[in-house]
Amino acid sequence: VFLGVRLPILQGGTFAFVAPSLAMLSLPAWKCPEWT
């Protein structure tokens, strides 16, 4: 709002990274341990 294009819109999180994040976290190296 103050430094950018000055449009009164809310900048929020994006879902564009959710699918790749879930894919990355589902790799065998990043599986949660059984005790969790």
PDB file of all heavy atoms in Angstrom:
ATOM      1  N   VAL A   1       0.830  -1.206   0.000  1.00  0.00           N
ATOM      2  CA  VAL A   1       0.000   0.000   0.000  1.00  0.00           C
ATOM      3  C   VAL A   1       0.864   1.256   0.000  1.00  0.00           C
ATOM      4  O   VAL A   1       0.567   2.229  -0.697  1.00  0.00           O
ATOM      5  CB  VAL A   1      -0.961  -0.004   1.213  1.00  0.00           C
ATOM      6  CG1 VAL A   1      -1.597   1.357   1.425  1.00  0.00           C
ATOM      7  CG2 VAL A   1      -2.035  -1.054   1.025  1.00  0.00           C
ATOM      8  N   PHE A   2       1.960   1.263   0.761  1.00  0.00           N
ATOM      9  CA  PHE A   2       2.766   2.475   0.881  1.00  0.00           C
ATOM     10  C   PHE A   2       3.908   2.557  -0.127  1.00  0.00           C
ATOM     11  O   PHE A   2       4.289   3.642  -0.534  1.00  0.00           O
ATOM     12  CB  PHE A   2       3.312   2.605   2.300  1.00  0.00           C
ATOM     13  CG  PHE A   2       2.238   2.863   3.313  1.00  0.00           C
ATOM     14  CD1 PHE A   2       2.006   1.959   4.334  1.00  0.00           C
ATOM     15  CD2 PHE A   2       1.456   3.997   3.241  1.00  0.00           C
ATOM     16  CE1 PHE A   2       1.015   2.191   5.263  1.00  0.00           C
ATOM     17  CE2 PHE A   2       0.456   4.238   4.170  1.00  0.00           C
ATOM     18  CZ  PHE A   2       0.238   3.321   5.187  1.00  0.00           C
ATOM     19  N   LEU A   3       4.478   1.422  -0.524  1.00  0.00           N
ATOM     20  CA  LEU A   3       5.636   1.458  -1.423  1.00  0.00           C
ATOM     21  C   LEU A   3       5.361   0.825  -2.781  1.00  0.00           C
ATOM     22  O   LEU A   3       6.054   1.115  -3.744  1.00  0.00           O
ATOM     23  CB  LEU A   3       6.826   0.729  -0.774  1.00  0.00           C
ATOM     24  CG  LEU A   3       7.284   1.267   0.575  1.00  0.00           C
ATOM     25  CD1 LEU A   3       8.379   0.399   1.149  1.00  0.00           C
ATOM     26  CD2 LEU A   3       7.748   2.704   0.442  1.00  0.00           C
ATOM     27  N   GLY A   4       4.395  -0.049  -2.862  1.00  0.00           N
ATOM     28  CA  GLY A   4       4.117  -0.767  -4.106  1.00  0.00           C
ATOM     29  C   GLY A   4       3.234   0.028  -5.038  1.00  0.00           C
ATOM     30  O   GLY A   4       3.368   1.247  -5.165  1.00  0.00           O
ATOM     31  N   VAL A   5       2.294  -0.656  -5.641  1.00  0.00           N
ATOM     32  CA  VAL A   5       1.395   0.000  -6.599  1.00  0.00           C
ATOM     33  C   VAL A   5       0.260   0.743  -5.912  1.00  0.00           C
ATOM     34  O   VAL A   5      -0.599   1.307  -6.570  1.00  0.00           O
ATOM     35  CB  VAL A   5       0.841  -1.013  -7.621  1.00  0.00           C
ATOM     36  CG1 VAL A   5       1.938  -1.532  -8.502  1.00  0.00           C
ATOM     37  CG2 VAL A   5       0.111  -2.123  -6.934  1.00  0.00           C
ATOM     38  N   ARG A   6       0.233   0.695  -4.602  1.00  0.00           N
ATOM     39  CA  ARG A   6      -0.692   1.473  -3.764  1.00  0.00           C
ATOM     40  C   ARG A   6      -2.154   1.113  -3.963  1.00  0.00           C
ATOM     41  O   ARG A   6      -3.028   1.966  -3.876  1.00  0.00           O
ATOM     42  CB  ARG A   6      -0.454   2.967  -3.967  1.00  0.00           C
ATOM     43  CG  ARG A   6       0.915   3.398  -3.492  1.00  0.00           C
ATOM     44  CD  ARG A   6       1.111   4.890  -3.596  1.00  0.00           C
ATOM     45  NE  ARG A   6       2.335   5.272  -2.942  1.00  0.00           N
ATOM     46  CZ  ARG A   6       3.479   5.480  -3.586  1.00  0.00           C
ATOM     47  NH1 ARG A   6       3.545   5.339  -4.877  1.00  0.00           N
ATOM     48  NH2 ARG A   6       4.550   5.833  -2.915  1.00  0.00           N
ATOM     49  N   LEU A   7      -2.423  -0.134  -4.216  1.00  0.00           N
ATOM     50  CA  LEU A   7      -3.800  -0.599  -4.287  1.00  0.00           C
ATOM     51  C   LEU A   7      -4.227  -1.110  -2.920  1.00  0.00           C
ATOM     52  O   LEU A   7      -3.465  -1.810  -2.249  1.00  0.00           O
ATOM     53  CB  LEU A   7      -3.947  -1.717  -5.326  1.00  0.00           C
ATOM     54  CG  LEU A   7      -3.727  -1.320  -6.767  1.00  0.00           C
ATOM     55  CD1 LEU A   7      -3.766  -2.542  -7.660  1.00  0.00           C
ATOM     56  CD2 LEU A   7      -4.766  -0.303  -7.202  1.00  0.00           C
ATOM     57  N   PRO A   8      -5.412  -0.774  -2.454  1.00  0.00           N
ATOM     58  CA  PRO A   8      -5.843  -1.208  -1.113  1.00  0.00           C
ATOM     59  C   PRO A   8      -6.351  -2.655  -1.122  1.00  0.00           C
ATOM     60  O   PRO A   8      -7.539  -2.915  -0.941  1.00  0.00           O
ATOM     61  CB  PRO A   8      -6.951  -0.220  -0.778  1.00  0.00           C
ATOM     62  CG  PRO A   8      -7.531   0.122  -2.108  1.00  0.00           C
ATOM     63  CD  PRO A   8      -6.393   0.104  -3.086  1.00  0.00           C
ATOM     64  N   ILE A   9      -5.465  -3.591  -1.356  1.00  0.00           N
ATOM     65  CA  ILE A   9      -5.832  -5.008  -1.351  1.00  0.00           C
ATOM     66  C   ILE A   9      -4.982  -5.747  -0.340  1.00  0.00           C
ATOM     67  O   ILE A   9      -3.857  -5.345  -0.030  1.00  0.00           O
ATOM     68  CB  ILE A   9      -5.695  -5.651  -2.745  1.00  0.00           C
ATOM     69  CG1 ILE A   9      -4.275  -5.490  -3.281  1.00  0.00           C
ATOM     70  CG2 ILE A   9      -6.686  -5.060  -3.707  1.00  0.00           C
ATOM     71  CD1 ILE A   9      -4.016  -6.225  -4.557  1.00  0.00           C
ATOM     72  N   LEU A  10      -5.526  -6.833   0.172  1.00  0.00           N
ATOM     73  CA  LEU A  10      -4.831  -7.636   1.175  1.00  0.00           C
ATOM     74  C   LEU A  10      -3.877  -8.594   0.479  1.00  0.00           C
ATOM     75  O   LEU A  10      -4.265  -9.309  -0.438  1.00  0.00           O
ATOM     76  CB  LEU A  10      -5.858  -8.434   1.995  1.00  0.00           C
ATOM     77  CG  LEU A  10      -5.283  -9.368   3.047  1.00  0.00           C
ATOM     78  CD1 LEU A  10      -4.769  -8.554   4.213  1.00  0.00           C
ATOM     79  CD2 LEU A  10      -6.320 -10.338   3.510  1.00  0.00           C
ATOM     80  N   GLN A  11      -2.633  -8.573   0.889  1.00  0.00           N
ATOM     81  CA  GLN A  11      -1.647  -9.520   0.370  1.00  0.00           C
ATOM     82  C   GLN A  11      -1.659 -10.738   1.282  1.00  0.00           C
ATOM     83  O   GLN A  11      -1.365 -10.628   2.460  1.00  0.00           O
ATOM     84  CB  GLN A  11      -0.246  -8.889   0.348  1.00  0.00           C
ATOM     85  CG  GLN A  11      -0.139  -7.668  -0.525  1.00  0.00           C
ATOM     86  CD  GLN A  11      -0.338  -7.993  -1.981  1.00  0.00           C
ATOM     87  OE1 GLN A  11       0.155  -8.985  -2.483  1.00  0.00           O
ATOM     88  NE2 GLN A  11      -1.096  -7.164  -2.661  1.00  0.00           N
ATOM     89  N   GLY A  12      -2.010 -11.874   0.749  1.00  0.00           N
ATOM     90  CA  GLY A  12      -2.127 -13.076   1.571  1.00  0.00           C
ATOM     91  C   GLY A  12      -1.227 -14.188   1.095  1.00  0.00           C
ATOM     92  O   GLY A  12      -0.419 -14.028   0.187  1.00  0.00           O
ATOM     93  N   GLY A  13      -1.397 -15.338   1.721  1.00  0.00           N
ATOM     94  CA  GLY A  13      -0.652 -16.520   1.326  1.00  0.00           C
ATOM     95  C   GLY A  13      -1.152 -17.037  -0.010  1.00  0.00           C
ATOM     96  O   GLY A  13      -2.266 -16.749  -0.442  1.00  0.00           O
ATOM     97  N   THR A  14      -0.327 -17.800  -0.676  1.00  0.00           N
ATOM     98  CA  THR A  14      -0.702 -18.326  -1.973  1.00  0.00           C
ATOM     99  C   THR A  14      -0.809 -19.842  -1.918  1.00  0.00           C
ATOM    100  O   THR A  14      -0.069 -20.497  -1.191  1.00  0.00           O
ATOM    101  CB  THR A  14       0.317 -17.901  -3.048  1.00  0.00           C
ATOM    102  OG1 THR A  14      -0.061 -18.494  -4.286  1.00  0.00           O
ATOM    103  CG2 THR A  14       1.717 -18.355  -2.713  1.00  0.00           C
ATOM    104  N   PHE A  15      -1.751 -20.367  -2.672  1.00  0.00           N
ATOM    105  CA  PHE A  15      -1.895 -21.813  -2.769  1.00  0.00           C
ATOM    106  C   PHE A  15      -0.999 -22.388  -3.855  1.00  0.00           C
ATOM    107  O   PHE A  15      -0.957 -23.591  -4.038  1.00  0.00           O
ATOM    108  CB  PHE A  15      -3.355 -22.181  -3.044  1.00  0.00           C
ATOM    109  CG  PHE A  15      -4.213 -22.121  -1.825  1.00  0.00           C
ATOM    110  CD1 PHE A  15      -4.899 -20.980  -1.496  1.00  0.00           C
ATOM    111  CD2 PHE A  15      -4.320 -23.220  -0.990  1.00  0.00           C
ATOM    112  CE1 PHE A  15      -5.680 -20.918  -0.363  1.00  0.00           C
ATOM    113  CE2 PHE A  15      -5.093 -23.169   0.143  1.00  0.00           C
ATOM    114  CZ  PHE A  15      -5.778 -22.016   0.453  1.00  0.00           C
ATOM    115  N   ALA A  16      -0.299 -21.531  -4.590  1.00  0.00           N
ATOM    116  CA  ALA A  16       0.555 -22.017  -5.671  1.00  0.00           C
ATOM    117  C   ALA A  16       1.675 -22.902  -5.145  1.00  0.00           C
ATOM    118  O   ALA A  16       2.129 -23.812  -5.842  1.00  0.00           O
ATOM    119  CB  ALA A  16       1.132 -20.835  -6.440  1.00  0.00           C
ATOM    120  N   PHE A  17       2.126 -22.649  -3.918  1.00  0.00           N
ATOM    121  CA  PHE A  17       3.225 -23.431  -3.366  1.00  0.00           C
ATOM    122  C   PHE A  17       2.757 -24.611  -2.518  1.00  0.00           C
ATOM    123  O   PHE A  17       3.574 -25.393  -2.048  1.00  0.00           O
ATOM    124  CB  PHE A  17       4.146 -22.545  -2.518  1.00  0.00           C
ATOM    125  CG  PHE A  17       4.822 -21.459  -3.303  1.00  0.00           C
ATOM    126  CD1 PHE A  17       4.643 -20.137  -2.986  1.00  0.00           C
ATOM    127  CD2 PHE A  17       5.649 -21.774  -4.369  1.00  0.00           C
ATOM    128  CE1 PHE A  17       5.259 -19.134  -3.699  1.00  0.00           C
ATOM    129  CE2 PHE A  17       6.277 -20.785  -5.096  1.00  0.00           C
ATOM    130  CZ  PHE A  17       6.084 -19.455  -4.759  1.00  0.00           C
ATOM    131  N   VAL A  18       1.448 -24.730  -2.281  1.00  0.00           N
ATOM    132  CA  VAL A  18       0.966 -25.797  -1.398  1.00  0.00           C
ATOM    133  C   VAL A  18       1.149 -27.172  -2.040  1.00  0.00           C
ATOM    134  O   VAL A  18       1.653 -28.103  -1.400  1.00  0.00           O
ATOM    135  CB  VAL A  18      -0.503 -25.552  -0.989  1.00  0.00           C
ATOM    136  CG1 VAL A  18      -1.049 -26.738  -0.219  1.00  0.00           C
ATOM    137  CG2 VAL A  18      -0.594 -24.309  -0.130  1.00  0.00           C
ATOM    138  N   ALA A  19       0.755 -27.319  -3.292  1.00  0.00           N
ATOM    139  CA  ALA A  19       0.881 -28.620  -3.959  1.00  0.00           C
ATOM    140  C   ALA A  19       2.346 -29.060  -4.071  1.00  0.00           C
ATOM    141  O   ALA A  19       2.671 -30.208  -3.727  1.00  0.00           O
ATOM    142  CB  ALA A  19       0.204 -28.593  -5.321  1.00  0.00           C
ATOM    143  N   PRO A  20       3.288 -28.193  -4.507  1.00  0.00           N
ATOM    144  CA  PRO A  20       4.694 -28.613  -4.511  1.00  0.00           C
ATOM    145  C   PRO A  20       5.231 -28.886  -3.104  1.00  0.00           C
ATOM    146  O   PRO A  20       6.056 -29.776  -2.923  1.00  0.00           O
ATOM    147  CB  PRO A  20       5.434 -27.447  -5.155  1.00  0.00           C
ATOM    148  CG  PRO A  20       4.418 -26.661  -5.855  1.00  0.00           C
ATOM    149  CD  PRO A  20       3.114 -26.911  -5.178  1.00  0.00           C
ATOM    150  N   SER A  21       4.748 -28.118  -2.120  1.00  0.00           N
ATOM    151  CA  SER A  21       5.190 -28.349  -0.739  1.00  0.00           C
ATOM    152  C   SER A  21       4.736 -29.715  -0.246  1.00  0.00           C
ATOM    153  O   SER A  21       5.509 -30.452   0.385  1.00  0.00           O
ATOM    154  CB  SER A  21       4.652 -27.267   0.190  1.00  0.00           C
ATOM    155  OG  SER A  21       5.118 -26.016  -0.185  1.00  0.00           O
ATOM    156  N   LEU A  22       3.477 -30.057  -0.519  1.00  0.00           N
ATOM    157  CA  LEU A  22       2.979 -31.378  -0.120  1.00  0.00           C
ATOM    158  C   LEU A  22       3.730 -32.486  -0.846  1.00  0.00           C
ATOM    159  O   LEU A  22       4.015 -33.535  -0.265  1.00  0.00           O
ATOM    160  CB  LEU A  22       1.478 -31.471  -0.394  1.00  0.00           C
ATOM    161  CG  LEU A  22       0.577 -30.621   0.501  1.00  0.00           C
ATOM    162  CD1 LEU A  22      -0.870 -30.709   0.035  1.00  0.00           C
ATOM    163  CD2 LEU A  22       0.700 -31.047   1.948  1.00  0.00           C
ATOM    164  N   ALA A  23       4.060 -32.253  -2.122  1.00  0.00           N
ATOM    165  CA  ALA A  23       4.822 -33.252  -2.876  1.00  0.00           C
ATOM    166  C   ALA A  23       6.220 -33.421  -2.283  1.00  0.00           C
ATOM    167  O   ALA A  23       6.703 -34.546  -2.127  1.00  0.00           O
ATOM    168  CB  ALA A  23       4.902 -32.850  -4.344  1.00  0.00           C
ATOM    169  N   MET A  24       6.858 -32.312  -1.926  1.00  0.00           N
ATOM    170  CA  MET A  24       8.197 -32.388  -1.350  1.00  0.00           C
ATOM    171  C   MET A  24       8.175 -33.075   0.017  1.00  0.00           C
ATOM    172  O   MET A  24       9.019 -33.916   0.315  1.00  0.00           O
ATOM    173  CB  MET A  24       8.781 -30.984  -1.208  1.00  0.00           C
ATOM    174  CG  MET A  24      10.225 -30.969  -0.770  1.00  0.00           C
ATOM    175  SD  MET A  24      10.839 -29.313  -0.588  1.00  0.00           S
ATOM    176  CE  MET A  24      10.528 -29.055   1.134  1.00  0.00           C
ATOM    177  N   LEU A  25       7.181 -32.743   0.836  1.00  0.00           N
ATOM    178  CA  LEU A  25       7.112 -33.327   2.174  1.00  0.00           C
ATOM    179  C   LEU A  25       6.650 -34.783   2.157  1.00  0.00           C
ATOM    180  O   LEU A  25       6.752 -35.471   3.168  1.00  0.00           O
ATOM    181  CB  LEU A  25       6.191 -32.494   3.061  1.00  0.00           C
ATOM    182  CG  LEU A  25       6.731 -31.115   3.438  1.00  0.00           C
ATOM    183  CD1 LEU A  25       5.668 -30.293   4.141  1.00  0.00           C
ATOM    184  CD2 LEU A  25       7.974 -31.232   4.291  1.00  0.00           C
ATOM    185  N   SER A  26       6.138 -35.258   1.032  1.00  0.00           N
ATOM    186  CA  SER A  26       5.737 -36.668   0.951  1.00  0.00           C
ATOM    187  C   SER A  26       6.864 -37.570   0.475  1.00  0.00           C
ATOM    188  O   SER A  26       6.682 -38.785   0.386  1.00  0.00           O
ATOM    189  CB  SER A  26       4.525 -36.824   0.028  1.00  0.00           C
ATOM    190  OG  SER A  26       4.886 -36.541  -1.304  1.00  0.00           O
ATOM    191  N   LEU A  27       8.021 -36.996   0.169  1.00  0.00           N
ATOM    192  CA  LEU A  27       9.171 -37.810  -0.218  1.00  0.00           C
ATOM    193  C   LEU A  27       9.599 -38.688   0.950  1.00  0.00           C
ATOM    194  O   LEU A  27       9.409 -38.318   2.125  1.00  0.00           O
ATOM    195  CB  LEU A  27      10.335 -36.910  -0.648  1.00  0.00           C
ATOM    196  CG  LEU A  27      10.141 -36.116  -1.935  1.00  0.00           C
ATOM    197  CD1 LEU A  27      11.282 -35.134  -2.135  1.00  0.00           C
ATOM    198  CD2 LEU A  27      10.048 -37.059  -3.117  1.00  0.00           C
ATOM    199  N   PRO A  28      10.188 -39.851   0.676  1.00  0.00           N
ATOM    200  CA  PRO A  28      10.593 -40.749   1.776  1.00  0.00           C
ATOM    201  C   PRO A  28      11.538 -40.103   2.790  1.00  0.00           C
ATOM    202  O   PRO A  28      11.480 -40.416   3.973  1.00  0.00           O
ATOM    203  CB  PRO A  28      11.276 -41.912   1.048  1.00  0.00           C
ATOM    204  CG  PRO A  28      10.726 -41.881  -0.336  1.00  0.00           C
ATOM    205  CD  PRO A  28      10.410 -40.455  -0.640  1.00  0.00           C
ATOM    206  N   ALA A  29      12.371 -39.188   2.347  1.00  0.00           N
ATOM    207  CA  ALA A  29      13.314 -38.539   3.269  1.00  0.00           C
ATOM    208  C   ALA A  29      12.598 -37.645   4.279  1.00  0.00           C
ATOM    209  O   ALA A  29      13.136 -37.375   5.356  1.00  0.00           O
ATOM    210  CB  ALA A  29      14.325 -37.713   2.479  1.00  0.00           C
ATOM    211  N   TRP A  30      11.394 -37.187   3.973  1.00  0.00           N
ATOM    212  CA  TRP A  30      10.686 -36.249   4.833  1.00  0.00           C
ATOM    213  C   TRP A  30       9.442 -36.844   5.460  1.00  0.00           C
ATOM    214  O   TRP A  30       8.597 -36.113   5.972  1.00  0.00           O
ATOM    215  CB  TRP A  30      10.324 -34.973   4.066  1.00  0.00           C
ATOM    216  CG  TRP A  30      11.538 -34.249   3.625  1.00  0.00           C
ATOM    217  CD1 TRP A  30      12.012 -34.155   2.355  1.00  0.00           C
ATOM    218  CD2 TRP A  30      12.463 -33.555   4.444  1.00  0.00           C
ATOM    219  NE1 TRP A  30      13.165 -33.435   2.342  1.00  0.00           N
ATOM    220  CE2 TRP A  30      13.480 -33.052   3.612  1.00  0.00           C
ATOM    221  CE3 TRP A  30      12.552 -33.317   5.814  1.00  0.00           C
ATOM    222  CZ2 TRP A  30      14.553 -32.321   4.105  1.00  0.00           C
ATOM    223  CZ3 TRP A  30      13.617 -32.592   6.299  1.00  0.00           C
ATOM    224  CH2 TRP A  30      14.598 -32.105   5.447  1.00  0.00           C
ATOM    225  N   LYS A  31       9.305 -38.154   5.463  1.00  0.00           N
ATOM    226  CA  LYS A  31       8.168 -38.792   6.140  1.00  0.00           C
ATOM    227  C   LYS A  31       8.308 -38.577   7.642  1.00  0.00           C
ATOM    228  O   LYS A  31       9.401 -38.631   8.197  1.00  0.00           O
ATOM    229  CB  LYS A  31       8.128 -40.296   5.851  1.00  0.00           C
ATOM    230  CG  LYS A  31       7.737 -40.634   4.439  1.00  0.00           C
ATOM    231  CD  LYS A  31       6.268 -40.485   4.274  1.00  0.00           C
ATOM    232  CE  LYS A  31       5.855 -40.958   2.892  1.00  0.00           C
ATOM    233  NZ  LYS A  31       4.536 -40.604   2.534  1.00  0.00           N
ATOM    234  N   CYS A  32       7.198 -38.349   8.294  1.00  0.00           N
ATOM    235  CA  CYS A  32       7.204 -38.158   9.746  1.00  0.00           C
ATOM    236  C   CYS A  32       7.495 -39.489  10.430  1.00  0.00           C
ATOM    237  O   CYS A  32       7.010 -40.538   9.987  1.00  0.00           O
ATOM    238  CB  CYS A  32       5.853 -37.626  10.220  1.00  0.00           C
ATOM    239  SG  CYS A  32       5.486 -35.968   9.641  1.00  0.00           S
ATOM    240  N   PRO A  33       8.271 -39.474  11.520  1.00  0.00           N
ATOM    241  CA  PRO A  33       8.513 -40.711  12.261  1.00  0.00           C
ATOM    242  C   PRO A  33       7.213 -41.255  12.852  1.00  0.00           C
ATOM    243  O   PRO A  33       6.269 -40.512  13.108  1.00  0.00           O
ATOM    244  CB  PRO A  33       9.467 -40.283  13.378  1.00  0.00           C
ATOM    245  CG  PRO A  33       9.981 -38.948  13.002  1.00  0.00           C
ATOM    246  CD  PRO A  33       9.001 -38.338  12.073  1.00  0.00           C
ATOM    247  N   GLU A  34       7.192 -42.543  13.081  1.00  0.00           N
ATOM    248  CA  GLU A  34       5.980 -43.197  13.586  1.00  0.00           C
ATOM    249  C   GLU A  34       5.521 -42.628  14.927  1.00  0.00           C
ATOM    250  O   GLU A  34       4.335 -42.546  15.192  1.00  0.00           O
ATOM    251  CB  GLU A  34       6.214 -44.708  13.716  1.00  0.00           C
ATOM    252  CG  GLU A  34       6.324 -45.427  12.381  1.00  0.00           C
ATOM    253  CD  GLU A  34       5.042 -45.368  11.580  1.00  0.00           C
ATOM    254  OE1 GLU A  34       3.958 -45.450  12.184  1.00  0.00           O
ATOM    255  OE2 GLU A  34       5.126 -45.231  10.356  1.00  0.00           O
ATOM    256  N   TRP A  35       6.459 -42.234  15.782  1.00  0.00           N
ATOM    257  CA  TRP A  35       6.073 -41.759  17.114  1.00  0.00           C
ATOM    258  C   TRP A  35       5.325 -40.425  17.052  1.00  0.00           C
ATOM    259  O   TRP A  35       4.637 -40.061  17.991  1.00  0.00           O
ATOM    260  CB  TRP A  35       7.281 -41.665  18.041  1.00  0.00           C
ATOM    261  CG  TRP A  35       8.396 -40.776  17.571  1.00  0.00           C
ATOM    262  CD1 TRP A  35       9.466 -41.135  16.817  1.00  0.00           C
ATOM    263  CD2 TRP A  35       8.540 -39.373  17.821  1.00  0.00           C
ATOM    264  NE1 TRP A  35      10.266 -40.043  16.575  1.00  0.00           N
ATOM    265  CE2 TRP A  35       9.723 -38.957  17.183  1.00  0.00           C
ATOM    266  CE3 TRP A  35       7.790 -38.433  18.517  1.00  0.00           C
ATOM    267  CZ2 TRP A  35      10.181 -37.648  17.220  1.00  0.00           C
ATOM    268  CZ3 TRP A  35       8.236 -37.119  18.556  1.00  0.00           C
ATOM    269  CH2 TRP A  35       9.427 -36.758  17.914  1.00  0.00           C
ATOM    270  N   THR A  36       5.427 -39.681  15.935  1.00  0.00           N
ATOM    271  CA  THR A  36       4.705 -38.416  15.843  1.00  0.00           C
ATOM    272  C   THR A  36       3.226 -38.617  15.506  1.00  0.00           C
ATOM    273  O   THR A  36       2.439 -37.698  15.652  1.00  0.00           O
ATOM    274  CB  THR A  36       5.327 -37.488  14.781  1.00  0.00           C
ATOM    275  OG1 THR A  36       5.271 -38.131  13.505  1.00  0.00           O
ATOM    276  CG2 THR A  36       6.755 -37.141  15.127  1.00  0.00           C
TER     277      THR A  36
END
